Amino acid sequence: KEAKEEEDASKSVSDADETNSPRMINGSWVGPAQIDSDDVEYVFSEVWRNRCCVSGETLGTVLELSRWDLSKPCHCKNIVLLGVKAMVKFDEAMAASGDGRNSVPYELRQKIEARLASCKVDSRA
């Protein structure tokens, strides 16, 4: 009986590990966020300067963090700061085309991607 309980316990642990491990589902990366509170502060203040990356709005606007490319993990080089209006458009484009980035004009998209490429990833994370 004890052997059976140990087997069941180890099976449930391996099942939990499998469900928590990063993986791709329908082209989207699914897994735990790879950022901490210091990274959030860095993204808000240093990368996006407390402004929506699309509109530049800051005061009086609710800002939300979002992954820029859903096929990539959630880390500093893939997080944008969006105002409510930009987030709605991002979500609508995601629903329509499978890529929220399509809600952003091409030239602005290039600027956003250049800013993301310049981010410094914390090696401690």
C-alpha atoms as a PDB file:
ATOM      1  CA  LYS A   1       0.000   0.000   0.000  1.00  0.00           C
ATOM      2  CA  GLU A   2       2.826   2.442   0.866  1.00  0.00           C
ATOM      3  CA  ALA A   3       4.543   1.760  -2.468  1.00  0.00           C
ATOM      4  CA  LYS A   4       1.307   2.612  -4.289  1.00  0.00           C
ATOM      5  CA  GLU A   5       0.928   5.871  -2.318  1.00  0.00           C
ATOM      6  CA  GLU A   6       4.536   6.853  -3.086  1.00  0.00           C
ATOM      7  CA  GLU A   7       3.978   6.102  -6.774  1.00  0.00           C
ATOM      8  CA  ASP A   8       0.802   8.210  -6.812  1.00  0.00           C
ATOM      9  CA  ALA A   9       2.582  11.059  -4.983  1.00  0.00           C
ATOM     10  CA  SER A  10       5.520  11.069  -7.398  1.00  0.00           C
ATOM     11  CA  LYS A  11       3.144  10.916 -10.358  1.00  0.00           C
ATOM     12  CA  SER A  12       1.209  13.950  -9.115  1.00  0.00           C
ATOM     13  CA  VAL A  13       4.488  15.874  -8.648  1.00  0.00           C
ATOM     14  CA  SER A  14       5.623  15.052 -12.186  1.00  0.00           C
ATOM     15  CA  ASP A  15       2.182  16.004 -13.528  1.00  0.00           C
ATOM     16  CA  ALA A  16       2.422  19.342 -11.690  1.00  0.00           C
ATOM     17  CA  ASP A  17       5.914  19.930 -13.102  1.00  0.00           C
ATOM     18  CA  GLU A  18       4.607  19.210 -16.581  1.00  0.00           C
ATOM     19  CA  THR A  19       1.702  21.663 -16.254  1.00  0.00           C
ATOM     20  CA  ASN A  20       3.946  24.426 -14.844  1.00  0.00           C
ATOM     21  CA  SER A  21       6.712  24.029 -17.408  1.00  0.00           C
ATOM     22  CA  PRO A  22       6.923  26.555 -20.233  1.00  0.00           C
ATOM     23  CA  ARG A  23       5.545  25.420 -23.562  1.00  0.00           C
ATOM     24  CA  MET A  24       3.921  26.609 -26.774  1.00  0.00           C
ATOM     25  CA  ILE A  25       0.156  26.252 -27.154  1.00  0.00           C
ATOM     26  CA  ASN A  26      -1.373  27.322 -30.468  1.00  0.00           C
ATOM     27  CA  GLY A  27       1.677  29.496 -31.195  1.00  0.00           C
ATOM     28  CA  SER A  28       1.598  31.257 -27.815  1.00  0.00           C
ATOM     29  CA  TRP A  29       4.241  30.823 -25.144  1.00  0.00           C
ATOM     30  CA  VAL A  30       2.641  29.632 -21.908  1.00  0.00           C
ATOM     31  CA  GLY A  31       4.536  29.564 -18.650  1.00  0.00           C
ATOM     32  CA  PRO A  32       5.353  31.585 -15.556  1.00  0.00           C
ATOM     33  CA  ALA A  33       6.334  35.244 -15.824  1.00  0.00           C
ATOM     34  CA  GLN A  34      10.102  35.616 -15.848  1.00  0.00           C
ATOM     35  CA  ILE A  35      10.174  38.996 -14.134  1.00  0.00           C
ATOM     36  CA  ASP A  36      10.243  40.236 -10.568  1.00  0.00           C
ATOM     37  CA  SER A  37       9.268  43.524  -8.913  1.00  0.00           C
ATOM     38  CA  ASP A  38      12.620  45.126  -9.815  1.00  0.00           C
ATOM     39  CA  ASP A  39      12.031  44.229 -13.467  1.00  0.00           C
ATOM     40  CA  VAL A  40       8.549  45.784 -13.346  1.00  0.00           C
ATOM     41  CA  GLU A  41       9.993  48.998 -11.920  1.00  0.00           C
ATOM     42  CA  TYR A  42      12.718  48.976 -14.613  1.00  0.00           C
ATOM     43  CA  VAL A  43      10.163  48.442 -17.409  1.00  0.00           C
ATOM     44  CA  PHE A  44       7.850  51.191 -16.119  1.00  0.00           C
ATOM     45  CA  SER A  45      10.432  53.856 -15.375  1.00  0.00           C
ATOM     46  CA  GLU A  46      13.535  53.188 -17.477  1.00  0.00           C
ATOM     47  CA  VAL A  47      12.199  51.502 -20.603  1.00  0.00           C
ATOM     48  CA  TRP A  48       8.837  53.217 -21.110  1.00  0.00           C
ATOM     49  CA  ARG A  49       9.274  56.263 -18.815  1.00  0.00           C
ATOM     50  CA  ASN A  50       5.809  55.706 -17.316  1.00  0.00           C
ATOM     51  CA  ARG A  51       4.182  56.275 -20.716  1.00  0.00           C
ATOM     52  CA  CYS A  52       2.074  54.178 -23.050  1.00  0.00           C
ATOM     53  CA  CYS A  53       4.441  52.900 -25.734  1.00  0.00           C
ATOM     54  CA  VAL A  54       1.822  53.531 -28.441  1.00  0.00           C
ATOM     55  CA  SER A  55       0.231  56.879 -27.550  1.00  0.00           C
ATOM     56  CA  GLY A  56       2.709  58.365 -25.075  1.00  0.00           C
ATOM     57  CA  GLU A  57      -0.137  58.953 -22.592  1.00  0.00           C
ATOM     58  CA  THR A  58       0.866  59.109 -18.957  1.00  0.00           C
ATOM     59  CA  LEU A  59      -1.224  61.302 -16.640  1.00  0.00           C
ATOM     60  CA  GLY A  60      -4.800  60.252 -16.043  1.00  0.00           C
ATOM     61  CA  THR A  61      -4.330  56.996 -17.944  1.00  0.00           C
ATOM     62  CA  VAL A  62      -4.379  53.504 -16.526  1.00  0.00           C
ATOM     63  CA  LEU A  63      -1.276  51.732 -17.789  1.00  0.00           C
ATOM     64  CA  GLU A  64      -1.028  47.964 -18.192  1.00  0.00           C
ATOM     65  CA  LEU A  65       1.873  45.641 -18.854  1.00  0.00           C
ATOM     66  CA  SER A  66       1.516  43.194 -21.710  1.00  0.00           C
ATOM     67  CA  ARG A  67       3.717  40.779 -23.589  1.00  0.00           C
ATOM     68  CA  TRP A  68       4.540  42.295 -26.960  1.00  0.00           C
ATOM     69  CA  ASP A  69       5.057  38.985 -28.777  1.00  0.00           C
ATOM     70  CA  LEU A  70       2.925  36.170 -27.383  1.00  0.00           C
ATOM     71  CA  SER A  71       5.198  33.560 -28.946  1.00  0.00           C
ATOM     72  CA  LYS A  72       8.005  34.664 -26.593  1.00  0.00           C
ATOM     73  CA  PRO A  73       8.346  34.419 -22.803  1.00  0.00           C
ATOM     74  CA  CYS A  74       7.430  37.223 -20.432  1.00  0.00           C
ATOM     75  CA  HIS A  75      10.723  39.016 -19.735  1.00  0.00           C
ATOM     76  CA  CYS A  76      11.990  42.603 -19.957  1.00  0.00           C
ATOM     77  CA  LYS A  77      12.712  42.409 -23.688  1.00  0.00           C
ATOM     78  CA  ASN A  78       9.115  41.430 -24.409  1.00  0.00           C
ATOM     79  CA  ILE A  79       6.988  43.650 -22.132  1.00  0.00           C
ATOM     80  CA  VAL A  80       5.304  46.834 -23.227  1.00  0.00           C
ATOM     81  CA  LEU A  81       3.347  49.433 -21.298  1.00  0.00           C
ATOM     82  CA  LEU A  82      -0.047  50.161 -22.848  1.00  0.00           C
ATOM     83  CA  GLY A  83      -2.748  52.644 -21.973  1.00  0.00           C
ATOM     84  CA  VAL A  84      -6.356  51.446 -21.810  1.00  0.00           C
ATOM     85  CA  LYS A  85      -7.234  52.526 -25.382  1.00  0.00           C
ATOM     86  CA  ALA A  86      -4.068  50.977 -26.821  1.00  0.00           C
ATOM     87  CA  MET A  87      -4.703  47.773 -24.849  1.00  0.00           C
ATOM     88  CA  VAL A  88      -8.233  47.511 -26.230  1.00  0.00           C
ATOM     89  CA  LYS A  89      -6.902  47.856 -29.790  1.00  0.00           C
ATOM     90  CA  PHE A  90      -4.099  45.387 -29.008  1.00  0.00           C
ATOM     91  CA  ASP A  91      -6.638  42.843 -27.701  1.00  0.00           C
ATOM     92  CA  GLU A  92      -8.946  43.392 -30.692  1.00  0.00           C
ATOM     93  CA  ALA A  93      -6.065  42.834 -33.129  1.00  0.00           C
ATOM     94  CA  MET A  94      -5.091  39.739 -31.166  1.00  0.00           C
ATOM     95  CA  ALA A  95      -8.612  38.360 -31.516  1.00  0.00           C
ATOM     96  CA  ALA A  96      -8.851  39.253 -35.214  1.00  0.00           C
ATOM     97  CA  SER A  97      -5.396  38.320 -36.502  1.00  0.00           C
ATOM     98  CA  GLY A  98      -3.712  36.411 -33.703  1.00  0.00           C
ATOM     99  CA  ASP A  99      -1.140  39.186 -33.219  1.00  0.00           C
ATOM    100  CA  GLY A 100      -1.847  42.275 -31.117  1.00  0.00           C
ATOM    101  CA  ARG A 101       1.151  44.036 -32.643  1.00  0.00           C
ATOM    102  CA  ASN A 102      -0.923  44.467 -35.798  1.00  0.00           C
ATOM    103  CA  SER A 103      -2.817  47.239 -33.977  1.00  0.00           C
ATOM    104  CA  VAL A 104       0.312  49.421 -34.084  1.00  0.00           C
ATOM    105  CA  PRO A 105       1.439  51.274 -37.238  1.00  0.00           C
ATOM    106  CA  TYR A 106       4.567  49.762 -38.805  1.00  0.00           C
ATOM    107  CA  GLU A 107       6.939  52.689 -38.087  1.00  0.00           C
ATOM    108  CA  LEU A 108       5.887  52.883 -34.437  1.00  0.00           C
ATOM    109  CA  ARG A 109       6.151  49.112 -34.166  1.00  0.00           C
ATOM    110  CA  GLN A 110       9.773  49.326 -35.329  1.00  0.00           C
ATOM    111  CA  LYS A 111      10.529  51.963 -32.672  1.00  0.00           C
ATOM    112  CA  ILE A 112       8.919  49.838 -29.958  1.00  0.00           C
ATOM    113  CA  GLU A 113      10.906  46.779 -31.032  1.00  0.00           C
ATOM    114  CA  ALA A 114      14.143  48.806 -31.070  1.00  0.00           C
ATOM    115  CA  ARG A 115      13.441  49.994 -27.524  1.00  0.00           C
ATOM    116  CA  LEU A 116      12.708  46.420 -26.413  1.00  0.00           C
ATOM    117  CA  ALA A 117      15.959  45.223 -28.000  1.00  0.00           C
ATOM    118  CA  SER A 118      17.887  47.787 -25.950  1.00  0.00           C
ATOM    119  CA  CYS A 119      16.567  46.456 -22.613  1.00  0.00           C
ATOM    120  CA  LYS A 120      18.965  44.913 -20.169  1.00  0.00           C
ATOM    121  CA  VAL A 121      17.854  41.561 -18.826  1.00  0.00           C
ATOM    122  CA  ASP A 122      18.678  41.037 -15.152  1.00  0.00           C
ATOM    123  CA  SER A 123      20.886  37.959 -14.935  1.00  0.00           C
ATOM    124  CA  ARG A 124      19.593  37.270 -11.392  1.00  0.00           C
ATOM    125  CA  ALA A 125      16.031  36.656 -12.589  1.00  0.00           C
END
